[in-house]
Amino acid sequence: MPLIAKSPLLAIALGCILTSVSPAAGQEAAATATAAAPQPVSPLVSAPQVLLEAPAAWLSDLKTAQAQAKATNRPVLVVFSGSDWCKPCIMYEQEVFSQPAFTAYAKDRLVLAHFDFPRQKRNQPTAAQLKLNEAAAAQLNRSGDFPLAVLLSPEGQVLAKTGYIAGGPAAFEAYLKKVLPAL
């Protein structure tokens, strides 16, 4: 009978205990727990050209984001992150960008663009995406700051830059309203 653990840490501990009792049972429990663990659905994980998080879409091509901004007359929020090594980047994702409150706020107000620079080999973007990430960084993040959120006007002018802002979606929304009063 397979066991299902509620968290990855519990699954690992359970797997270790069961492996010491019965190696086959431990492997089965660990495999079942891993399969049952929630999978990330994050805009900060390297992915294809367009990251869809209903109802807001994260673009991963700066030129496409700027064209959409011009067409909709909305500012662009460009986020640079290191999704598998930068703790403030991970916190930004968990506390702000993956929250429904932020998604609802951004939906009709911002064009969203994300550029991830993971270090682990398994998280590396495609060669084409890496080229897009590097081009965006060369234009907007020459100093290599992580995390970095850059606000661009619909015309492409840098309006503001910030690092991690604590306080979740409400604090980030307050920041946006301060630097972009028309939102």
Protein backbone atom coordinates (compact mmCIF):
# COMPACT_ATOMS: atom_id res chain seq x y z
CA MET A 1 0.00 0.00 0.00
CA PRO A 2 1.61 3.33 -1.07
CA LEU A 3 2.12 6.07 1.51
CA ILE A 4 1.52 9.70 0.61
CA ALA A 5 3.39 12.45 2.46
CA LYS A 6 2.08 16.02 2.65
CA SER A 7 5.45 17.75 2.30
CA PRO A 8 8.75 17.00 0.55
CA LEU A 9 10.65 17.05 3.88
CA LEU A 10 8.23 14.58 5.41
CA ALA A 11 8.59 12.42 2.30
CA ILE A 12 12.39 12.41 2.63
CA ALA A 13 12.26 11.55 6.33
CA LEU A 14 9.70 8.84 5.71
CA GLY A 15 11.76 7.49 2.83
CA CYS A 16 14.89 7.33 5.02
CA ILE A 17 13.05 5.48 7.79
CA LEU A 18 11.45 3.03 5.42
CA THR A 19 14.69 2.46 3.52
CA SER A 20 16.36 1.36 6.73
CA VAL A 21 13.51 -1.11 7.33
CA SER A 22 12.85 -2.16 3.73
CA PRO A 23 14.73 -0.55 0.81
CA ALA A 24 11.93 -1.37 -1.67
CA ALA A 25 9.23 0.17 0.57
CA GLY A 26 11.30 3.30 1.10
CA GLN A 27 11.80 3.82 -2.63
CA GLU A 28 8.09 3.29 -3.29
CA ALA A 29 7.10 5.79 -0.56
CA ALA A 30 9.61 8.38 -1.75
CA ALA A 31 8.44 8.04 -5.36
CA THR A 32 4.78 8.35 -4.36
CA ALA A 33 5.46 11.35 -2.12
CA THR A 34 7.48 13.10 -4.82
CA ALA A 35 4.73 12.52 -7.37
CA ALA A 36 2.14 13.90 -4.92
CA ALA A 37 4.20 16.99 -4.04
CA PRO A 38 2.88 20.23 -5.55
CA GLN A 39 4.75 21.38 -8.64
CA PRO A 40 5.80 25.03 -8.98
CA VAL A 41 3.83 27.21 -11.37
CA SER A 42 6.00 30.24 -11.22
CA PRO A 43 6.92 33.01 -13.63
CA LEU A 44 10.36 32.89 -12.07
CA VAL A 45 11.17 29.43 -13.37
CA SER A 46 12.80 29.25 -16.78
CA ALA A 47 10.22 28.38 -19.38
CA PRO A 48 9.25 28.92 -23.01
CA GLN A 49 8.81 32.31 -24.66
CA VAL A 50 5.53 33.25 -22.96
CA LEU A 51 4.74 32.26 -19.39
CA LEU A 52 1.00 32.10 -18.92
CA GLU A 53 -0.33 32.67 -15.41
CA ALA A 54 -3.99 33.40 -15.88
CA PRO A 55 -5.11 36.11 -16.06
CA ALA A 56 -1.74 37.90 -16.47
CA ALA A 57 0.91 36.74 -18.92
CA TRP A 58 4.65 37.05 -18.31
CA LEU A 59 6.58 37.66 -21.50
CA SER A 60 10.18 36.58 -21.87
CA ASP A 61 11.13 38.75 -24.83
CA LEU A 62 11.79 42.42 -24.08
CA LYS A 63 11.01 43.58 -27.64
CA THR A 64 7.64 41.82 -27.55
CA ALA A 65 6.90 43.37 -24.14
CA GLN A 66 7.82 46.85 -25.39
CA ALA A 67 5.66 46.44 -28.50
CA GLN A 68 2.71 45.32 -26.35
CA ALA A 69 3.30 48.28 -24.01
CA LYS A 70 3.16 50.72 -26.91
CA ALA A 71 0.04 49.08 -28.34
CA THR A 72 -1.79 49.14 -24.99
CA ASN A 73 -0.23 52.34 -23.60
CA ARG A 74 0.77 50.50 -20.40
CA PRO A 75 4.11 50.52 -18.58
CA VAL A 76 6.31 47.43 -18.58
CA LEU A 77 7.39 45.72 -15.36
CA VAL A 78 10.63 43.90 -16.17
CA VAL A 79 11.82 41.44 -13.51
CA PHE A 80 15.32 39.96 -13.39
CA SER A 81 15.76 36.97 -11.09
CA GLY A 82 17.91 34.03 -10.14
CA SER A 83 15.15 31.54 -9.41
CA ASP A 84 17.32 28.76 -8.00
CA TRP A 85 20.01 30.64 -6.07
CA CYS A 86 18.80 34.14 -5.11
CA LYS A 87 16.82 34.06 -1.85
CA PRO A 88 15.26 37.54 -2.29
CA CYS A 89 14.24 36.53 -5.85
CA ILE A 90 12.53 33.43 -4.52
CA MET A 91 10.84 35.48 -1.78
CA TYR A 92 9.64 38.05 -4.38
CA GLU A 93 8.10 35.21 -6.38
CA GLN A 94 6.40 33.64 -3.37
CA GLU A 95 5.27 36.84 -1.68
CA VAL A 96 4.35 39.03 -4.66
CA PHE A 97 4.43 37.73 -8.23
CA SER A 98 2.64 34.40 -7.63
CA GLN A 99 -0.08 35.96 -5.50
CA PRO A 100 -3.58 36.36 -6.98
CA ALA A 101 -3.75 39.94 -5.64
CA PHE A 102 -0.72 40.95 -7.72
CA THR A 103 -2.01 39.11 -10.80
CA ALA A 104 -5.37 40.87 -10.50
CA TYR A 105 -3.68 44.26 -10.03
CA ALA A 106 -1.28 43.83 -12.95
CA LYS A 107 -3.79 42.33 -15.39
CA ASP A 108 -5.06 45.58 -16.96
CA ARG A 109 -2.34 47.94 -15.74
CA LEU A 110 1.04 46.47 -16.68
CA VAL A 111 2.85 44.51 -19.34
CA LEU A 112 4.89 41.88 -17.49
CA ALA A 113 8.31 40.64 -18.62
CA HIS A 114 10.54 38.20 -16.78
CA PHE A 115 14.17 37.19 -17.28
CA ASP A 116 15.57 34.37 -15.19
CA PHE A 117 19.24 33.54 -14.66
CA PRO A 118 19.29 30.18 -12.84
CA ARG A 119 22.61 28.56 -11.96
CA GLN A 120 21.62 24.90 -11.73
CA LYS A 121 22.11 23.04 -14.98
CA ARG A 122 18.66 21.42 -14.85
CA ASN A 123 16.99 24.86 -14.73
CA GLN A 124 18.86 26.42 -17.63
CA PRO A 125 16.71 28.10 -20.27
CA THR A 126 16.98 27.20 -23.93
CA ALA A 127 19.80 28.78 -25.92
CA ALA A 128 17.29 31.10 -27.62
CA GLN A 129 15.82 32.18 -24.27
CA LEU A 130 19.28 32.68 -22.78
CA LYS A 131 20.07 35.03 -25.67
CA LEU A 132 16.86 37.01 -24.98
CA ASN A 133 17.68 37.12 -21.25
CA GLU A 134 21.20 38.38 -21.89
CA ALA A 135 19.97 41.04 -24.35
CA ALA A 136 17.45 42.33 -21.78
CA ALA A 137 20.12 42.36 -19.06
CA ALA A 138 22.55 44.20 -21.34
CA GLN A 139 19.92 46.87 -21.86
CA LEU A 140 18.41 47.18 -18.37
CA ASN A 141 20.56 45.34 -15.80
CA ARG A 142 24.22 45.92 -16.69
CA SER A 143 25.25 45.78 -13.03
CA GLY A 144 23.75 42.30 -12.59
CA ASP A 145 21.46 43.14 -9.66
CA PHE A 146 19.17 40.36 -8.40
CA PRO A 147 16.33 40.67 -7.87
CA LEU A 148 15.67 43.73 -9.96
CA ALA A 149 12.31 45.14 -11.01
CA VAL A 150 12.50 47.83 -13.69
CA LEU A 151 9.53 49.95 -14.73
CA LEU A 152 9.55 51.19 -18.29
CA SER A 153 7.24 53.74 -19.88
CA PRO A 154 5.26 52.57 -22.91
CA GLU A 155 7.93 54.36 -24.94
CA GLY A 156 10.71 52.33 -23.31
CA GLN A 157 12.16 54.91 -20.92
CA VAL A 158 13.31 53.68 -17.49
CA LEU A 159 10.96 55.18 -14.90
CA ALA A 160 12.17 53.38 -11.78
CA LYS A 161 14.25 50.45 -10.52
CA THR A 162 13.95 48.56 -7.27
CA GLY A 163 15.15 45.45 -5.55
CA TYR A 164 13.14 43.27 -3.20
CA ILE A 165 10.23 45.00 -1.44
CA ALA A 166 8.95 43.24 1.67
CA GLY A 167 5.25 43.24 2.48
CA GLY A 168 3.65 41.20 -0.29
CA PRO A 169 1.40 42.41 -3.08
CA ALA A 170 0.03 45.36 -1.09
CA ALA A 171 3.49 46.83 -0.47
CA PHE A 172 4.53 46.29 -4.09
CA GLU A 173 1.28 47.85 -5.32
CA ALA A 174 1.88 50.87 -3.05
CA TYR A 175 5.38 51.21 -4.54
CA LEU A 176 3.97 51.05 -8.08
CA LYS A 177 1.35 53.69 -7.26
CA LYS A 178 4.07 55.93 -5.85
CA VAL A 179 6.29 55.75 -8.93
CA LEU A 180 3.42 55.49 -11.44
CA PRO A 181 0.63 57.66 -10.01
CA ALA A 182 -1.57 57.13 -13.10
CA LEU A 183 -1.97 53.41 -12.21
